[in-house]
């Protein structure tokens, strides 16, 4: 029951992000949101294991962004940062653990301090 409640809260939060972000029309932002929602239970300490679905989604995102334009990468970075700021109980340090565990390689750091205009 608590798990389904967490999933419902997550979906509402992601929907709110998609509605409130000015750049949500950009496919890179939607890809970013879709991929990381698979990992939310881990990066918010709801579980201590990274799911195969999380790795699959993050790896696919990293692959798609590898061939993205600079503008698309900037948008994806901005989207990640904006959504990370409103996800309750997010432990940003766990994002790096997901990337390391899954072997995902992004061309820009997924943190709140990075200047997204420098994403390449």
N, C-alpha and C. Protein backbone atom coordinates (compact mmCIF):
# COMPACT_ATOMS: atom_id res chain seq x y z
N UNK A 1 0.82 -1.19 0.00
CA UNK A 1 0.00 0.00 0.00
C UNK A 1 0.87 1.25 0.00
N UNK A 2 1.90 1.27 0.87
CA UNK A 2 2.79 2.43 0.92
C UNK A 2 3.54 2.59 -0.39
N UNK A 3 3.89 1.45 -1.00
CA UNK A 3 4.60 1.50 -2.27
C UNK A 3 3.74 2.12 -3.36
N UNK A 4 2.46 1.74 -3.41
CA UNK A 4 1.59 2.32 -4.43
C UNK A 4 1.32 3.79 -4.15
N UNK A 5 1.28 4.17 -2.88
CA UNK A 5 1.11 5.57 -2.53
C UNK A 5 2.34 6.38 -2.98
N UNK A 6 3.53 5.82 -2.77
CA UNK A 6 4.77 6.49 -3.22
C UNK A 6 4.77 6.65 -4.73
N UNK A 7 4.35 5.61 -5.42
CA UNK A 7 4.31 5.67 -6.89
C UNK A 7 3.34 6.75 -7.36
N UNK A 8 2.20 6.84 -6.68
CA UNK A 8 1.21 7.86 -7.05
C UNK A 8 1.75 9.26 -6.81
N UNK A 9 2.42 9.46 -5.68
CA UNK A 9 3.02 10.77 -5.38
C UNK A 9 4.09 11.11 -6.41
N UNK A 10 4.89 10.13 -6.79
CA UNK A 10 5.92 10.35 -7.79
C UNK A 10 5.32 10.76 -9.12
N UNK A 11 4.27 10.08 -9.55
CA UNK A 11 3.66 10.40 -10.84
C UNK A 11 3.05 11.81 -10.81
N UNK A 12 2.47 12.18 -9.68
CA UNK A 12 1.92 13.53 -9.56
C UNK A 12 3.04 14.56 -9.62
N UNK A 13 4.15 14.28 -8.92
CA UNK A 13 5.28 15.21 -8.91
C UNK A 13 5.84 15.38 -10.32
N UNK A 14 6.03 14.27 -11.03
CA UNK A 14 6.57 14.34 -12.39
C UNK A 14 5.60 15.08 -13.30
N UNK A 15 4.32 14.84 -13.12
CA UNK A 15 3.33 15.56 -13.93
C UNK A 15 3.38 17.06 -13.65
N UNK A 16 3.56 17.42 -12.38
CA UNK A 16 3.65 18.84 -12.02
C UNK A 16 4.89 19.46 -12.65
N UNK A 17 6.00 18.73 -12.65
CA UNK A 17 7.22 19.24 -13.27
C UNK A 17 6.98 19.45 -14.75
N UNK A 18 6.38 18.48 -15.40
CA UNK A 18 6.13 18.57 -16.84
C UNK A 18 5.24 19.76 -17.19
N UNK A 19 4.32 20.09 -16.31
CA UNK A 19 3.41 21.20 -16.57
C UNK A 19 4.05 22.54 -16.25
N UNK A 20 4.90 22.59 -15.23
CA UNK A 20 5.42 23.88 -14.78
C UNK A 20 6.72 24.30 -15.44
N UNK A 21 7.46 23.39 -16.02
CA UNK A 21 8.72 23.77 -16.63
C UNK A 21 8.48 24.45 -17.97
N UNK A 22 9.17 25.57 -18.23
CA UNK A 22 8.94 26.29 -19.47
C UNK A 22 9.44 25.55 -20.70
N UNK A 23 10.31 24.60 -20.55
CA UNK A 23 10.91 23.94 -21.69
C UNK A 23 10.42 22.50 -21.84
N UNK A 24 9.29 22.17 -21.29
CA UNK A 24 8.83 20.78 -21.35
C UNK A 24 8.46 20.32 -22.75
N UNK A 25 8.24 21.23 -23.66
CA UNK A 25 7.95 20.81 -25.03
C UNK A 25 9.16 20.13 -25.65
N UNK A 26 10.32 20.38 -25.09
CA UNK A 26 11.55 19.79 -25.59
C UNK A 26 11.57 18.29 -25.27
N UNK A 27 11.82 17.47 -26.26
CA UNK A 27 11.84 16.03 -26.08
C UNK A 27 12.91 15.60 -25.09
N UNK A 28 14.03 16.34 -25.01
CA UNK A 28 15.10 15.98 -24.09
C UNK A 28 14.63 16.03 -22.64
N UNK A 29 13.79 17.01 -22.33
CA UNK A 29 13.27 17.12 -20.98
C UNK A 29 12.33 15.96 -20.67
N UNK A 30 11.48 15.65 -21.59
CA UNK A 30 10.55 14.53 -21.36
C UNK A 30 11.30 13.21 -21.22
N UNK A 31 12.35 13.03 -22.00
CA UNK A 31 13.17 11.82 -21.88
C UNK A 31 13.83 11.76 -20.51
N UNK A 32 14.34 12.90 -20.05
CA UNK A 32 15.00 12.97 -18.75
C UNK A 32 14.01 12.60 -17.64
N UNK A 33 12.84 13.18 -17.67
CA UNK A 33 11.84 12.89 -16.64
C UNK A 33 11.41 11.43 -16.67
N UNK A 34 11.17 10.93 -17.85
CA UNK A 34 10.72 9.54 -18.00
C UNK A 34 11.78 8.57 -17.49
N UNK A 35 13.03 8.82 -17.83
CA UNK A 35 14.10 7.91 -17.41
C UNK A 35 14.27 7.92 -15.89
N UNK A 36 14.35 9.09 -15.31
CA UNK A 36 14.65 9.15 -13.88
C UNK A 36 13.48 8.76 -13.00
N UNK A 37 12.27 8.78 -13.52
CA UNK A 37 11.15 8.33 -12.68
C UNK A 37 11.30 6.85 -12.36
N UNK A 38 12.00 6.10 -13.21
CA UNK A 38 12.26 4.68 -12.94
C UNK A 38 13.20 4.48 -11.75
N UNK A 39 13.91 5.54 -11.37
CA UNK A 39 14.93 5.44 -10.33
C UNK A 39 14.53 6.15 -9.04
N UNK A 40 13.37 6.73 -9.03
CA UNK A 40 12.98 7.59 -7.91
C UNK A 40 12.96 6.85 -6.58
N UNK A 41 12.51 5.62 -6.55
CA UNK A 41 12.46 4.92 -5.26
C UNK A 41 13.86 4.76 -4.67
N UNK A 42 14.86 4.60 -5.52
CA UNK A 42 16.24 4.47 -5.02
C UNK A 42 16.80 5.82 -4.60
N UNK A 43 16.69 6.84 -5.43
CA UNK A 43 17.32 8.13 -5.11
C UNK A 43 16.59 8.91 -4.02
N UNK A 44 15.44 8.40 -3.59
CA UNK A 44 14.72 9.00 -2.46
C UNK A 44 14.72 8.06 -1.24
N UNK A 45 15.60 7.07 -1.24
CA UNK A 45 15.78 6.15 -0.10
C UNK A 45 14.55 5.30 0.21
N UNK A 46 13.70 5.06 -0.77
CA UNK A 46 12.54 4.19 -0.54
C UNK A 46 12.93 2.71 -0.68
N UNK A 47 14.03 2.48 -1.37
CA UNK A 47 14.59 1.14 -1.50
C UNK A 47 16.11 1.28 -1.52
N UNK A 48 16.80 0.21 -1.18
CA UNK A 48 18.27 0.28 -1.20
C UNK A 48 18.87 -0.42 -2.42
N UNK A 49 18.03 -0.81 -3.35
CA UNK A 49 18.50 -1.48 -4.56
C UNK A 49 18.11 -0.70 -5.80
N UNK A 50 19.03 -0.64 -6.73
CA UNK A 50 18.77 -0.01 -8.03
C UNK A 50 18.11 -1.08 -8.92
N UNK A 51 16.95 -0.75 -9.43
CA UNK A 51 16.20 -1.74 -10.22
C UNK A 51 16.76 -1.87 -11.63
N UNK A 52 16.55 -3.03 -12.24
CA UNK A 52 16.93 -3.20 -13.64
C UNK A 52 16.23 -2.18 -14.55
N UNK A 53 14.98 -1.84 -14.25
CA UNK A 53 14.26 -0.85 -15.05
C UNK A 53 14.92 0.52 -14.96
N UNK A 54 15.42 0.85 -13.78
CA UNK A 54 16.14 2.12 -13.59
C UNK A 54 17.37 2.14 -14.50
N UNK A 55 18.18 1.10 -14.44
CA UNK A 55 19.39 1.05 -15.27
C UNK A 55 19.05 1.10 -16.75
N UNK A 56 18.06 0.35 -17.14
CA UNK A 56 17.66 0.33 -18.55
C UNK A 56 17.28 1.73 -19.01
N UNK A 57 16.48 2.43 -18.21
CA UNK A 57 16.01 3.77 -18.58
C UNK A 57 17.16 4.78 -18.60
N UNK A 58 18.02 4.74 -17.60
CA UNK A 58 19.13 5.70 -17.53
C UNK A 58 20.15 5.43 -18.63
N UNK A 59 20.42 4.17 -18.91
CA UNK A 59 21.33 3.84 -20.01
C UNK A 59 20.77 4.31 -21.35
N UNK A 60 19.48 4.11 -21.57
CA UNK A 60 18.86 4.56 -22.82
C UNK A 60 18.91 6.07 -22.93
N UNK A 61 18.67 6.76 -21.83
CA UNK A 61 18.75 8.22 -21.82
C UNK A 61 20.16 8.68 -22.17
N UNK A 62 21.16 8.10 -21.53
CA UNK A 62 22.55 8.48 -21.81
C UNK A 62 22.89 8.25 -23.28
N UNK A 63 22.44 7.12 -23.83
CA UNK A 63 22.69 6.83 -25.25
C UNK A 63 22.03 7.86 -26.15
N UNK A 64 20.79 8.23 -25.85
CA UNK A 64 20.08 9.21 -26.69
C UNK A 64 20.73 10.59 -26.59
N UNK A 65 21.17 10.95 -25.40
CA UNK A 65 21.78 12.27 -25.23
C UNK A 65 23.19 12.34 -25.82
N UNK A 66 23.81 11.18 -26.01
CA UNK A 66 25.15 11.16 -26.62
C UNK A 66 25.13 11.80 -28.00
N UNK A 67 24.08 11.55 -28.75
CA UNK A 67 23.96 12.09 -30.12
C UNK A 67 23.13 13.37 -30.19
N UNK A 68 22.74 13.90 -29.03
CA UNK A 68 21.89 15.09 -29.00
C UNK A 68 22.69 16.34 -29.34
N UNK A 69 21.99 17.37 -29.77
CA UNK A 69 22.64 18.65 -30.03
C UNK A 69 22.97 19.32 -28.70
N UNK A 70 23.80 20.35 -28.76
CA UNK A 70 24.13 21.09 -27.54
C UNK A 70 22.87 21.64 -26.90
N UNK A 71 21.98 22.18 -27.70
CA UNK A 71 20.74 22.74 -27.19
C UNK A 71 19.90 21.69 -26.46
N UNK A 72 19.83 20.50 -27.02
CA UNK A 72 19.07 19.42 -26.38
C UNK A 72 19.71 19.01 -25.06
N UNK A 73 21.05 19.00 -25.02
CA UNK A 73 21.74 18.65 -23.79
C UNK A 73 21.54 19.72 -22.72
N UNK A 74 21.56 20.97 -23.11
CA UNK A 74 21.30 22.07 -22.18
C UNK A 74 19.89 21.94 -21.61
N UNK A 75 18.92 21.65 -22.47
CA UNK A 75 17.53 21.50 -22.03
C UNK A 75 17.39 20.31 -21.08
N UNK A 76 18.03 19.20 -21.40
CA UNK A 76 17.96 18.03 -20.52
C UNK A 76 18.59 18.33 -19.16
N UNK A 77 19.69 19.02 -19.16
CA UNK A 77 20.37 19.41 -17.92
C UNK A 77 19.47 20.32 -17.09
N UNK A 78 18.91 21.35 -17.72
CA UNK A 78 18.00 22.26 -17.02
C UNK A 78 16.81 21.51 -16.45
N UNK A 79 16.29 20.60 -17.21
CA UNK A 79 15.14 19.81 -16.78
C UNK A 79 15.50 18.97 -15.56
N UNK A 80 16.64 18.32 -15.62
CA UNK A 80 17.07 17.51 -14.48
C UNK A 80 17.19 18.36 -13.23
N UNK A 81 17.86 19.50 -13.36
CA UNK A 81 18.06 20.36 -12.19
C UNK A 81 16.74 20.88 -11.63
N UNK A 82 15.85 21.32 -12.49
CA UNK A 82 14.56 21.85 -12.03
C UNK A 82 13.73 20.77 -11.34
N UNK A 83 13.71 19.59 -11.92
CA UNK A 83 12.92 18.52 -11.30
C UNK A 83 13.57 18.03 -10.01
N UNK A 84 14.91 17.97 -9.98
CA UNK A 84 15.60 17.51 -8.78
C UNK A 84 15.32 18.43 -7.58
N UNK A 85 15.12 19.70 -7.86
CA UNK A 85 14.86 20.65 -6.77
C UNK A 85 13.50 20.45 -6.12
N UNK A 86 12.57 19.83 -6.82
CA UNK A 86 11.23 19.69 -6.23
C UNK A 86 10.87 18.26 -5.83
N UNK A 87 11.74 17.31 -6.12
CA UNK A 87 11.45 15.93 -5.71
C UNK A 87 11.77 15.79 -4.22
N UNK A 88 10.75 15.49 -3.46
CA UNK A 88 10.91 15.40 -2.02
C UNK A 88 11.81 14.23 -1.65
N UNK A 89 12.72 14.46 -0.73
CA UNK A 89 13.64 13.46 -0.19
C UNK A 89 14.70 12.98 -1.19
N UNK A 90 14.90 13.72 -2.26
CA UNK A 90 15.93 13.33 -3.23
C UNK A 90 17.30 13.45 -2.60
N UNK A 91 18.09 12.39 -2.73
CA UNK A 91 19.50 12.40 -2.31
C UNK A 91 20.31 12.46 -3.60
N UNK A 92 20.75 13.66 -3.93
CA UNK A 92 21.45 13.87 -5.21
C UNK A 92 22.72 13.02 -5.33
N UNK A 93 23.32 12.65 -4.20
CA UNK A 93 24.53 11.82 -4.25
C UNK A 93 24.22 10.42 -4.79
N UNK A 94 22.98 9.99 -4.66
CA UNK A 94 22.61 8.67 -5.17
C UNK A 94 22.49 8.65 -6.69
N UNK A 95 22.33 9.81 -7.30
CA UNK A 95 22.27 9.88 -8.76
C UNK A 95 23.58 9.38 -9.35
N UNK A 96 24.70 9.82 -8.79
CA UNK A 96 26.01 9.34 -9.26
C UNK A 96 26.15 7.83 -9.05
N UNK A 97 25.61 7.33 -7.95
CA UNK A 97 25.68 5.89 -7.71
C UNK A 97 24.90 5.13 -8.76
N UNK A 98 23.76 5.67 -9.17
CA UNK A 98 22.99 5.03 -10.24
C UNK A 98 23.82 5.01 -11.52
N UNK A 99 24.39 6.15 -11.87
CA UNK A 99 25.19 6.22 -13.10
C UNK A 99 26.36 5.24 -13.05
N UNK A 100 27.06 5.17 -11.92
CA UNK A 100 28.19 4.26 -11.79
C UNK A 100 27.73 2.80 -11.86
N UNK A 101 26.70 2.46 -11.11
CA UNK A 101 26.21 1.09 -11.06
C UNK A 101 25.72 0.63 -12.43
N UNK A 102 25.02 1.51 -13.11
CA UNK A 102 24.43 1.17 -14.41
C UNK A 102 25.40 1.35 -15.57
N UNK A 103 26.49 2.04 -15.33
CA UNK A 103 27.46 2.29 -16.39
C UNK A 103 27.04 3.39 -17.34
N UNK A 104 26.12 4.23 -16.91
CA UNK A 104 25.63 5.32 -17.76
C UNK A 104 26.66 6.45 -17.79
N UNK A 105 26.93 6.94 -18.97
CA UNK A 105 27.91 8.02 -19.15
C UNK A 105 27.20 9.22 -19.77
N UNK A 106 27.13 10.30 -19.00
CA UNK A 106 26.53 11.54 -19.49
C UNK A 106 27.64 12.52 -19.79
N UNK A 107 27.42 13.39 -20.78
CA UNK A 107 28.44 14.35 -21.17
C UNK A 107 28.44 15.58 -20.27
N UNK A 108 27.57 15.60 -19.28
CA UNK A 108 27.53 16.69 -18.30
C UNK A 108 27.16 16.08 -16.95
N UNK A 109 27.62 16.68 -15.87
CA UNK A 109 27.31 16.12 -14.55
C UNK A 109 25.85 16.34 -14.17
N UNK A 110 25.27 15.35 -13.56
CA UNK A 110 23.89 15.45 -13.10
C UNK A 110 23.91 15.88 -11.63
N UNK A 111 24.05 17.17 -11.44
CA UNK A 111 24.01 17.74 -10.09
C UNK A 111 23.37 19.11 -10.16
N UNK A 112 23.22 19.75 -9.02
CA UNK A 112 22.54 21.04 -8.98
C UNK A 112 23.47 22.24 -9.16
N UNK A 113 24.76 22.01 -9.11
CA UNK A 113 25.72 23.12 -9.20
C UNK A 113 26.22 23.40 -10.60
N UNK A 114 26.10 22.43 -11.49
CA UNK A 114 26.65 22.57 -12.84
C UNK A 114 25.90 23.66 -13.61
N UNK A 115 26.65 24.47 -14.36
CA UNK A 115 26.07 25.49 -15.24
C UNK A 115 25.63 24.80 -16.52
N UNK A 116 24.33 24.59 -16.66
CA UNK A 116 23.81 23.82 -17.80
C UNK A 116 24.12 24.44 -19.15
N UNK A 117 24.40 25.72 -19.19
CA UNK A 117 24.74 26.35 -20.47
C UNK A 117 26.05 25.79 -21.01
N UNK A 118 26.81 25.11 -20.17
CA UNK A 118 28.10 24.53 -20.59
C UNK A 118 27.97 23.06 -20.97
N UNK A 119 26.76 22.54 -20.94
CA UNK A 119 26.56 21.12 -21.31
C UNK A 119 26.93 20.95 -22.78
N UNK A 120 27.67 19.90 -23.06
CA UNK A 120 28.07 19.65 -24.46
C UNK A 120 28.15 18.16 -24.73
